[in-house]
Amino acid sequence: MLDVAEEMDSPTFKSDTVLSDVHLHCPNKRHLMVRLNAVGQPVFLSYFKLLWNIEDLSSEKHVRETTTERELQYQSGDELCDKDRNNLKNEREFINSEGIEALLDEDGDLEVVRRPRSASDLEAEDLLRDRVYPVILMKGKDAFEDEEECTCSDVVKIEHTMATPLEDVGKQVWRAAFLLADYILFKRDMFRCCTVLELGGGTGITSIIMGTVAKRVYCTDVGEDLLAMCEQNVMLNKHLMEPGRGEVRVKELDWLKDEFCTDPEAPYSWSEEEIADLHDHCTVIIAADVFYDDDLTDALFRTLYRITHNLRNSCTVYLALEKRLNFTLRHMDVTCEAYSHFRNTLNDLESLQDRKIKYVVEPVKLDFCQFLAYERIEQLELWKIIAEQLT
């Protein structure tokens, strides 16, 4: 849990704020502060470059080439790991031969030999975990010196906040959103021309990636300030959308309510035509990193159940999440209660005896290509739910 100090030159720990690893360890990236939002939080602009040109991914030849390149990168990573293991072996042999005294300095203090820093599996030289601090730039020449570079078709521009209270974590970018975006780009032909609903869209990065291939995406969340940020991000990335399609609509959807917001005076409300379009044409539902509170998890699955029962067609749901381990005094052990509750609720959904719809749950193997620069850690998971209409 982190907050950003007033001078923005180093992170400081506070008990009431949360900071995404994507922002804290974003490799070789700058965070540009562009404004304050309606509640006084600093808003930053970050550029996320796609590792491959998305226009070429439909080519099987290109996919084979990138897969081969990825395998070579894995081999390179293995070589680095082997090098580290050899260094550690040499350290142990040195200690055994010279004794612990060999590691003491002149004052008798222990000199700890640090393990060499390894690269992650992809882009070995580019994905080193260098700590990056936010840079505050006001509008001017310096703030937009890279603007020309960042309007090309392989760069996603996202406005977001940094450290936030737990209730505002949707204003940050999380790893599971990148994981789901990777899967969308890898399976882009499968999502082409679909009507898609995202639950808990946050900054909108996954909906924006989906909008590069889908016909229409309804990106939903709650909170006018968050939805305004999401809508701004959609506008910032119009350059990614294919001409004539790829529409992303930002809408309010509160999991704690049983109905869509249709008040014409309310911002981000639904029209009757949009609700009908969703029910008649939606075949894909997505959600990323929204399982951190048991009550919200229950509410999401109730919403998922209600919406899938109102759809005309069968639907496929993709849920991406990061399993976060915490030490709890109650268990006196490292546990992951939020994840356990998610899995139990997922099992309950699959076990439902329903005459109208059948739910089939299966994990998705994470062996697909990586298109965004982040750490695909082993705690990341992607689940697929097939909601099959029986009548």
Protein backbone atom coordinates (compact mmCIF):
# COMPACT_ATOMS: atom_id res chain seq x y z
CA MET A 1 0.00 0.00 0.00
CA LEU A 2 1.55 3.21 -1.15
CA ASP A 3 0.93 6.87 -1.55
CA VAL A 4 2.80 9.42 -3.60
CA ALA A 5 4.60 12.09 -1.60
CA GLU A 6 3.79 15.74 -2.19
CA GLU A 7 7.10 16.35 -3.91
CA MET A 8 6.51 13.27 -6.09
CA ASP A 9 10.15 12.22 -5.80
CA SER A 10 9.64 9.01 -3.83
CA PRO A 11 6.73 6.80 -2.72
CA THR A 12 5.78 6.77 0.95
CA PHE A 13 3.79 4.11 2.77
CA LYS A 14 0.36 4.92 4.14
CA SER A 15 -2.24 2.53 5.43
CA ASP A 16 -5.24 3.86 3.53
CA THR A 17 -4.00 3.92 -0.06
CA VAL A 18 -3.22 1.35 -2.74
CA LEU A 19 -0.81 1.62 -5.67
CA SER A 20 -0.75 -0.70 -8.67
CA ASP A 21 2.53 -2.43 -9.55
CA VAL A 22 1.92 -1.37 -13.14
CA HIS A 23 2.55 2.24 -12.12
CA LEU A 24 5.31 1.61 -9.59
CA HIS A 25 7.41 -0.66 -11.80
CA CYS A 26 6.46 0.48 -15.28
CA PRO A 27 9.70 -0.09 -17.24
CA ASN A 28 11.33 2.97 -18.77
CA LYS A 29 8.12 4.99 -18.74
CA ARG A 30 7.26 8.49 -17.62
CA HIS A 31 4.05 9.45 -15.86
CA LEU A 32 2.96 12.96 -16.87
CA MET A 33 0.63 14.79 -14.52
CA VAL A 34 -1.92 16.53 -16.72
CA ARG A 35 -4.64 17.78 -14.37
CA LEU A 36 -6.55 17.38 -11.12
CA ASN A 37 -9.83 15.48 -11.25
CA ALA A 38 -13.12 16.56 -9.70
CA VAL A 39 -12.16 15.22 -6.27
CA GLY A 40 -8.70 16.80 -6.27
CA GLN A 41 -6.65 13.73 -7.18
CA PRO A 42 -3.70 14.23 -9.57
CA VAL A 43 -4.32 12.61 -12.95
CA PHE A 44 -1.38 11.20 -14.88
CA LEU A 45 -0.99 10.31 -18.55
CA SER A 46 0.94 7.15 -19.40
CA TYR A 47 1.89 5.67 -22.76
CA PHE A 48 1.70 1.89 -23.17
CA LYS A 49 3.35 0.65 -26.36
CA LEU A 50 2.18 -2.56 -27.98
CA LEU A 51 5.05 -4.96 -28.56
CA TRP A 52 3.78 -5.86 -32.03
CA ASN A 53 1.87 -3.92 -34.61
CA ILE A 54 -1.78 -4.84 -34.08
CA GLU A 55 -2.55 -4.42 -37.80
CA ASP A 56 -0.39 -7.42 -38.66
CA LEU A 57 -1.65 -9.87 -36.06
CA SER A 58 -4.29 -11.44 -38.32
CA SER A 59 -1.50 -12.91 -40.43
CA GLU A 60 -0.72 -16.49 -39.43
CA LYS A 61 2.83 -16.01 -40.65
CA HIS A 62 3.31 -13.04 -38.34
CA VAL A 63 1.89 -14.98 -35.39
CA ARG A 64 4.30 -17.86 -36.06
CA GLU A 65 7.22 -15.42 -36.30
CA THR A 66 6.31 -13.66 -33.06
CA THR A 67 5.80 -17.00 -31.32
CA THR A 68 9.23 -18.15 -32.46
CA GLU A 69 10.72 -14.87 -31.27
CA ARG A 70 8.98 -15.33 -27.93
CA GLU A 71 10.46 -18.83 -27.58
CA LEU A 72 13.94 -17.40 -28.23
CA GLN A 73 13.29 -14.75 -25.59
CA TYR A 74 12.32 -17.47 -23.13
CA GLN A 75 15.58 -19.25 -23.93
CA SER A 76 17.45 -16.00 -23.33
CA GLY A 77 15.68 -15.66 -20.00
CA ASP A 78 16.64 -19.23 -19.10
CA GLU A 79 20.26 -18.43 -19.89
CA LEU A 80 20.09 -15.46 -17.55
CA CYS A 81 18.59 -17.64 -14.85
CA ASP A 82 21.33 -20.23 -15.37
CA LYS A 83 23.89 -17.45 -15.03
CA ASP A 84 22.32 -16.34 -11.76
CA ARG A 85 22.28 -19.90 -10.47
CA ASN A 86 25.98 -20.29 -11.31
CA ASN A 87 26.76 -17.04 -9.51
CA LEU A 88 24.88 -18.22 -6.44
CA LYS A 89 26.70 -21.56 -6.58
CA ASN A 90 30.02 -19.73 -6.72
CA GLU A 91 28.97 -17.59 -3.75
CA ARG A 92 28.13 -20.68 -1.70
CA GLU A 93 31.47 -22.31 -2.64
CA PHE A 94 33.26 -19.12 -1.64
CA ILE A 95 31.56 -19.07 1.75
CA ASN A 96 32.28 -22.75 2.34
CA SER A 97 35.94 -22.39 1.45
CA GLU A 98 36.74 -19.07 3.13
CA GLY A 99 34.28 -19.12 6.01
CA ILE A 100 31.82 -16.44 7.10
CA GLU A 101 34.74 -14.14 7.94
CA ALA A 102 35.30 -13.64 4.23
CA LEU A 103 32.02 -11.70 4.01
CA LEU A 104 32.79 -9.29 6.88
CA ASP A 105 33.97 -5.74 6.31
CA GLU A 106 36.65 -3.93 8.31
CA ASP A 107 34.18 -3.17 11.13
CA GLY A 108 32.94 -6.74 11.33
CA ASP A 109 29.61 -6.03 9.59
CA LEU A 110 28.22 -8.65 7.21
CA GLU A 111 28.47 -7.66 3.57
CA VAL A 112 25.44 -9.15 1.83
CA VAL A 113 26.06 -10.27 -1.74
CA ARG A 114 23.07 -9.30 -3.83
CA ARG A 115 21.70 -11.66 -6.42
CA PRO A 116 22.11 -10.19 -9.92
CA ARG A 117 18.90 -8.69 -11.22
CA SER A 118 17.24 -10.91 -13.81
CA ALA A 119 15.07 -9.88 -16.70
CA SER A 120 11.53 -11.14 -17.11
CA ASP A 121 10.58 -13.62 -19.80
CA LEU A 122 9.93 -11.09 -22.55
CA GLU A 123 12.04 -8.25 -23.90
CA ALA A 124 14.90 -9.10 -21.56
CA GLU A 125 16.60 -5.73 -21.82
CA ASP A 126 13.41 -3.65 -21.79
CA LEU A 127 11.48 -5.22 -18.94
CA LEU A 128 13.99 -4.82 -16.13
CA ARG A 129 12.21 -3.72 -12.97
CA ASP A 130 13.56 -0.17 -12.72
CA ARG A 131 11.66 1.92 -10.22
CA VAL A 132 10.07 4.86 -12.02
CA TYR A 133 8.85 7.98 -10.26
CA PRO A 134 6.16 10.27 -11.64
CA VAL A 135 7.26 13.38 -13.49
CA ILE A 136 5.04 16.42 -13.15
CA LEU A 137 4.86 18.44 -16.33
CA MET A 138 2.36 21.15 -17.11
CA LYS A 139 1.04 21.73 -20.59
CA GLY A 140 3.81 23.05 -22.75
CA LYS A 141 6.63 22.00 -25.01
CA ASP A 142 8.19 19.58 -22.52
CA ALA A 143 4.94 17.83 -21.69
CA PHE A 144 4.14 17.04 -25.30
CA GLU A 145 7.55 16.51 -26.86
CA ASP A 146 6.63 12.88 -27.61
CA GLU A 147 3.13 13.65 -28.89
CA GLU A 148 3.95 12.77 -32.49
CA GLU A 149 5.36 9.41 -31.43
CA CYS A 150 2.36 8.65 -29.24
CA THR A 151 -0.33 9.03 -31.89
CA CYS A 152 0.78 6.01 -33.88
CA SER A 153 -1.26 2.81 -34.11
CA ASP A 154 0.80 0.86 -31.58
CA VAL A 155 0.58 3.17 -28.54
CA VAL A 156 -2.27 3.26 -26.00
CA LYS A 157 -2.61 6.51 -24.03
CA ILE A 158 -4.28 6.20 -20.62
CA GLU A 159 -5.13 8.84 -18.05
CA HIS A 160 -5.15 7.40 -14.53
CA THR A 161 -4.47 8.25 -10.92
CA MET A 162 -1.62 6.80 -8.88
CA ALA A 163 -2.15 5.92 -5.21
CA THR A 164 -5.85 5.88 -4.31
CA PRO A 165 -8.15 4.77 -1.51
CA LEU A 166 -9.52 1.26 -1.96
CA GLU A 167 -12.84 2.56 -3.26
CA ASP A 168 -11.05 4.35 -6.13
CA VAL A 169 -8.79 1.53 -7.34
CA GLY A 170 -10.70 1.53 -10.64
CA LYS A 171 -8.85 4.74 -11.51
CA GLN A 172 -5.57 2.82 -11.74
CA VAL A 173 -4.33 0.30 -14.32
CA TRP A 174 -3.86 -3.28 -13.14
CA ARG A 175 -1.95 -6.27 -14.52
CA ALA A 176 -5.01 -8.43 -15.10
CA ALA A 177 -6.34 -5.78 -17.51
CA PHE A 178 -3.13 -6.18 -19.53
CA LEU A 179 -3.47 -9.96 -19.43
CA LEU A 180 -7.00 -9.78 -20.82
CA ALA A 181 -5.87 -7.25 -23.43
CA ASP A 182 -3.14 -9.70 -24.51
CA TYR A 183 -5.73 -12.43 -24.97
CA ILE A 184 -8.00 -10.14 -27.00
CA LEU A 185 -5.16 -9.21 -29.35
CA PHE A 186 -4.03 -12.81 -29.68
CA LYS A 187 -7.59 -14.00 -30.45
CA ARG A 188 -8.63 -10.88 -32.32
CA ASP A 189 -10.40 -12.79 -35.10
CA MET A 190 -12.61 -14.49 -32.51
CA PHE A 191 -13.83 -11.12 -31.20
CA ARG A 192 -14.14 -9.38 -34.56
CA CYS A 193 -17.48 -7.61 -35.08
CA CYS A 194 -18.86 -8.76 -31.67
CA THR A 195 -20.97 -6.74 -29.28
CA VAL A 196 -19.16 -6.78 -25.93
CA LEU A 197 -19.96 -5.75 -22.35
CA GLU A 198 -17.20 -4.97 -19.86
CA LEU A 199 -18.04 -5.02 -16.15
CA GLY A 200 -15.88 -2.77 -13.97
CA GLY A 201 -14.04 -1.17 -16.88
CA GLY A 202 -12.08 1.30 -14.73
CA THR A 203 -9.75 3.38 -16.91
CA GLY A 204 -11.12 1.60 -19.97
CA ILE A 205 -7.86 0.13 -21.29
CA THR A 206 -9.32 -3.36 -21.89
CA SER A 207 -12.42 -1.98 -23.61
CA ILE A 208 -10.20 0.22 -25.78
CA ILE A 209 -8.17 -2.81 -26.88
CA MET A 210 -11.41 -4.72 -27.49
CA GLY A 211 -12.68 -1.76 -29.50
CA THR A 212 -9.90 -2.28 -32.04
CA VAL A 213 -11.67 -5.42 -33.27
CA ALA A 214 -15.23 -5.55 -31.89
CA LYS A 215 -18.22 -3.84 -33.45
CA ARG A 216 -19.39 -2.21 -30.23
CA VAL A 217 -18.16 -2.26 -26.64
CA TYR A 218 -20.19 -1.13 -23.64
CA CYS A 219 -17.59 -0.17 -21.03
CA THR A 220 -19.33 0.08 -17.65
CA ASP A 221 -18.49 1.11 -14.10
CA VAL A 222 -19.85 3.42 -11.38
CA GLY A 223 -18.90 6.93 -10.29
CA GLU A 224 -19.18 9.99 -12.50
CA ASP A 225 -15.55 11.01 -11.98
CA LEU A 226 -14.27 7.54 -12.96
CA LEU A 227 -16.59 7.30 -15.96
CA ALA A 228 -15.48 10.76 -17.15
CA MET A 229 -11.85 9.59 -17.00
CA CYS A 230 -12.77 6.44 -18.89
CA GLU A 231 -14.56 8.44 -21.58
CA GLN A 232 -11.52 10.72 -21.91
CA ASN A 233 -9.32 7.65 -22.46
CA VAL A 234 -11.65 6.42 -25.18
CA MET A 235 -11.29 9.78 -26.92
CA LEU A 236 -7.49 9.71 -26.54
CA ASN A 237 -7.33 6.39 -28.37
CA LYS A 238 -9.61 7.03 -31.33
CA HIS A 239 -6.52 6.52 -33.49
CA LEU A 240 -6.60 2.80 -32.64
CA MET A 241 -10.14 2.18 -33.86
CA GLU A 242 -10.75 0.81 -37.32
CA PRO A 243 -12.69 3.17 -39.63
CA GLY A 244 -16.42 2.52 -39.57
CA ARG A 245 -16.44 0.36 -36.44
CA GLY A 246 -14.81 -0.13 -33.07
CA GLU A 247 -17.25 1.99 -31.10
CA VAL A 248 -16.74 2.14 -27.32
CA ARG A 249 -19.63 3.53 -25.26
CA VAL A 250 -19.05 4.40 -21.60
CA LYS A 251 -22.07 3.60 -19.41
CA GLU A 252 -22.97 3.35 -15.75
CA LEU A 253 -23.71 -0.12 -14.40
CA ASP A 254 -24.08 -0.55 -10.65
CA TRP A 255 -23.83 -4.19 -9.55
CA LEU A 256 -25.75 -3.36 -6.38
CA LYS A 257 -28.83 -2.39 -8.42
CA ASP A 258 -31.12 -4.71 -10.35
CA GLU A 259 -31.83 -2.35 -13.24
CA PHE A 260 -29.91 -0.27 -15.75
CA CYS A 261 -29.80 3.47 -15.12
CA THR A 262 -32.20 4.95 -17.69
CA ASP A 263 -32.64 8.43 -16.21
CA PRO A 264 -32.07 10.79 -19.16
CA GLU A 265 -30.83 13.47 -16.76
CA ALA A 266 -28.11 11.22 -15.34
CA PRO A 267 -24.72 11.17 -17.08
CA TYR A 268 -23.73 7.86 -18.68
CA SER A 269 -27.26 6.45 -18.47
CA TRP A 270 -28.64 3.88 -20.89
CA SER A 271 -31.21 4.48 -23.59
CA GLU A 272 -33.87 1.86 -24.26
CA GLU A 273 -32.27 1.27 -27.65
CA GLU A 274 -28.89 0.55 -26.08
CA ILE A 275 -30.37 -1.90 -23.59
CA ALA A 276 -32.19 -3.67 -26.42
CA ASP A 277 -28.99 -3.76 -28.49
CA LEU A 278 -27.11 -5.30 -25.56
CA HIS A 279 -29.75 -7.98 -24.96
CA ASP A 280 -30.13 -8.81 -28.66
CA HIS A 281 -26.50 -8.85 -29.80
CA CYS A 282 -24.08 -9.22 -26.88
CA THR A 283 -22.08 -12.47 -27.10
CA VAL A 284 -19.01 -11.56 -24.99
CA ILE A 285 -18.70 -10.24 -21.43
CA ILE A 286 -15.33 -9.34 -19.91
CA ALA A 287 -14.05 -8.22 -16.51
CA ALA A 288 -10.49 -7.69 -15.22
CA ASP A 289 -9.19 -7.41 -11.67
CA VAL A 290 -12.52 -6.75 -9.97
CA PHE A 291 -12.35 -9.52 -7.35
CA TYR A 292 -10.93 -7.92 -4.21
CA ASP A 293 -14.03 -7.57 -2.00
CA ASP A 294 -16.41 -10.42 -1.16
CA ASP A 295 -19.56 -8.30 -1.28
CA LEU A 296 -18.63 -6.84 -4.67
CA THR A 297 -17.76 -10.32 -5.96
CA ASP A 298 -21.22 -11.54 -4.95
CA ALA A 299 -22.81 -8.49 -6.58
CA LEU A 300 -20.86 -9.02 -9.81
CA PHE A 301 -21.95 -12.66 -10.11
CA ARG A 302 -25.58 -11.66 -9.45
CA THR A 303 -25.28 -9.06 -12.23
CA LEU A 304 -23.63 -11.62 -14.49
CA TYR A 305 -26.44 -14.10 -13.84
CA ARG A 306 -29.14 -11.49 -14.47
CA ILE A 307 -27.63 -10.18 -17.70
CA THR A 308 -26.87 -13.58 -19.23
CA HIS A 309 -30.46 -14.65 -18.57
CA ASN A 310 -31.72 -11.63 -20.50
CA LEU A 311 -29.50 -12.18 -23.53
CA ARG A 312 -31.01 -13.61 -26.69
CA ASN A 313 -27.86 -15.58 -27.58
CA SER A 314 -25.36 -17.74 -25.78
CA CYS A 315 -22.48 -15.76 -24.32
CA THR A 316 -18.83 -16.27 -23.37
CA VAL A 317 -17.50 -14.56 -20.26
CA TYR A 318 -13.79 -13.90 -19.64
CA LEU A 319 -12.65 -13.06 -16.10
CA ALA A 320 -9.04 -12.00 -15.52
CA LEU A 321 -7.61 -11.57 -12.04
CA GLU A 322 -4.49 -11.55 -9.93
CA LYS A 323 -4.34 -13.82 -6.92
CA ARG A 324 -2.98 -11.61 -4.14
CA LEU A 325 -1.49 -13.28 -1.09
CA ASN A 326 -1.62 -11.59 2.31
CA PHE A 327 -0.59 -12.53 5.83
CA THR A 328 -3.60 -12.39 8.17
CA LEU A 329 -3.60 -12.42 11.94
CA ARG A 330 -6.85 -14.38 11.90
CA HIS A 331 -5.20 -17.30 10.13
CA MET A 332 -1.60 -16.59 11.25
CA ASP A 333 -0.66 -17.62 7.74
CA VAL A 334 -0.40 -16.33 4.17
CA THR A 335 -3.85 -16.57 2.62
CA CYS A 336 -5.85 -15.19 -0.29
CA GLU A 337 -9.38 -14.86 1.03
CA ALA A 338 -10.69 -12.73 -1.84
CA TYR A 339 -9.47 -15.29 -4.36
CA SER A 340 -10.91 -18.19 -2.36
CA HIS A 341 -14.29 -16.48 -2.28
CA PHE A 342 -14.09 -15.89 -6.04
CA ARG A 343 -13.37 -19.57 -6.71
CA ASN A 344 -16.19 -20.70 -4.44
CA THR A 345 -18.63 -18.35 -6.16
CA LEU A 346 -17.41 -19.51 -9.56
CA ASN A 347 -18.04 -23.12 -8.56
CA ASP A 348 -21.52 -22.19 -7.32
CA LEU A 349 -22.31 -20.62 -10.68
CA GLU A 350 -21.24 -23.74 -12.57
CA SER A 351 -23.28 -25.95 -10.22
CA LEU A 352 -26.52 -24.05 -10.76
CA GLN A 353 -29.43 -26.20 -11.90
CA ASP A 354 -31.12 -23.93 -14.40
CA ARG A 355 -33.53 -24.89 -17.16
CA LYS A 356 -32.80 -21.80 -19.25
CA ILE A 357 -29.02 -21.51 -19.19
CA LYS A 358 -26.01 -23.74 -18.48
CA TYR A 359 -22.67 -22.43 -17.25
CA VAL A 360 -19.45 -24.22 -18.16
CA VAL A 361 -16.28 -22.95 -16.46
CA GLU A 362 -12.71 -23.60 -17.58
CA PRO A 363 -9.30 -21.95 -17.04
CA VAL A 364 -7.48 -20.42 -19.99
CA LYS A 365 -3.84 -21.39 -20.44
CA LEU A 366 -1.57 -18.35 -20.33
CA ASP A 367 0.64 -19.52 -23.21
CA PHE A 368 -0.50 -16.81 -25.64
CA CYS A 369 1.75 -13.99 -26.84
CA GLN A 370 2.36 -10.89 -24.76
CA PHE A 371 1.62 -7.60 -26.49
CA LEU A 372 2.00 -5.12 -23.63
CA ALA A 373 5.01 -4.50 -21.41
CA TYR A 374 4.21 -5.78 -17.92
CA GLU A 375 5.15 -8.69 -15.67
CA ARG A 376 3.01 -11.73 -16.40
CA ILE A 377 3.47 -13.20 -12.94
CA GLU A 378 2.31 -16.67 -11.98
CA GLN A 379 -0.48 -15.23 -9.80
CA LEU A 380 -2.37 -14.01 -12.88
CA GLU A 381 -5.31 -16.11 -14.05
CA LEU A 382 -7.85 -16.02 -16.86
CA TRP A 383 -11.16 -17.90 -16.63
CA LYS A 384 -13.66 -18.65 -19.38
CA ILE A 385 -17.37 -19.15 -18.69
CA ILE A 386 -19.65 -20.38 -21.45
CA ALA A 387 -23.21 -19.30 -20.74
CA GLU A 388 -25.16 -21.60 -23.06
CA GLN A 389 -28.82 -20.86 -23.73
CA LEU A 390 -30.90 -24.03 -23.35
CA THR A 391 -34.27 -22.67 -24.47
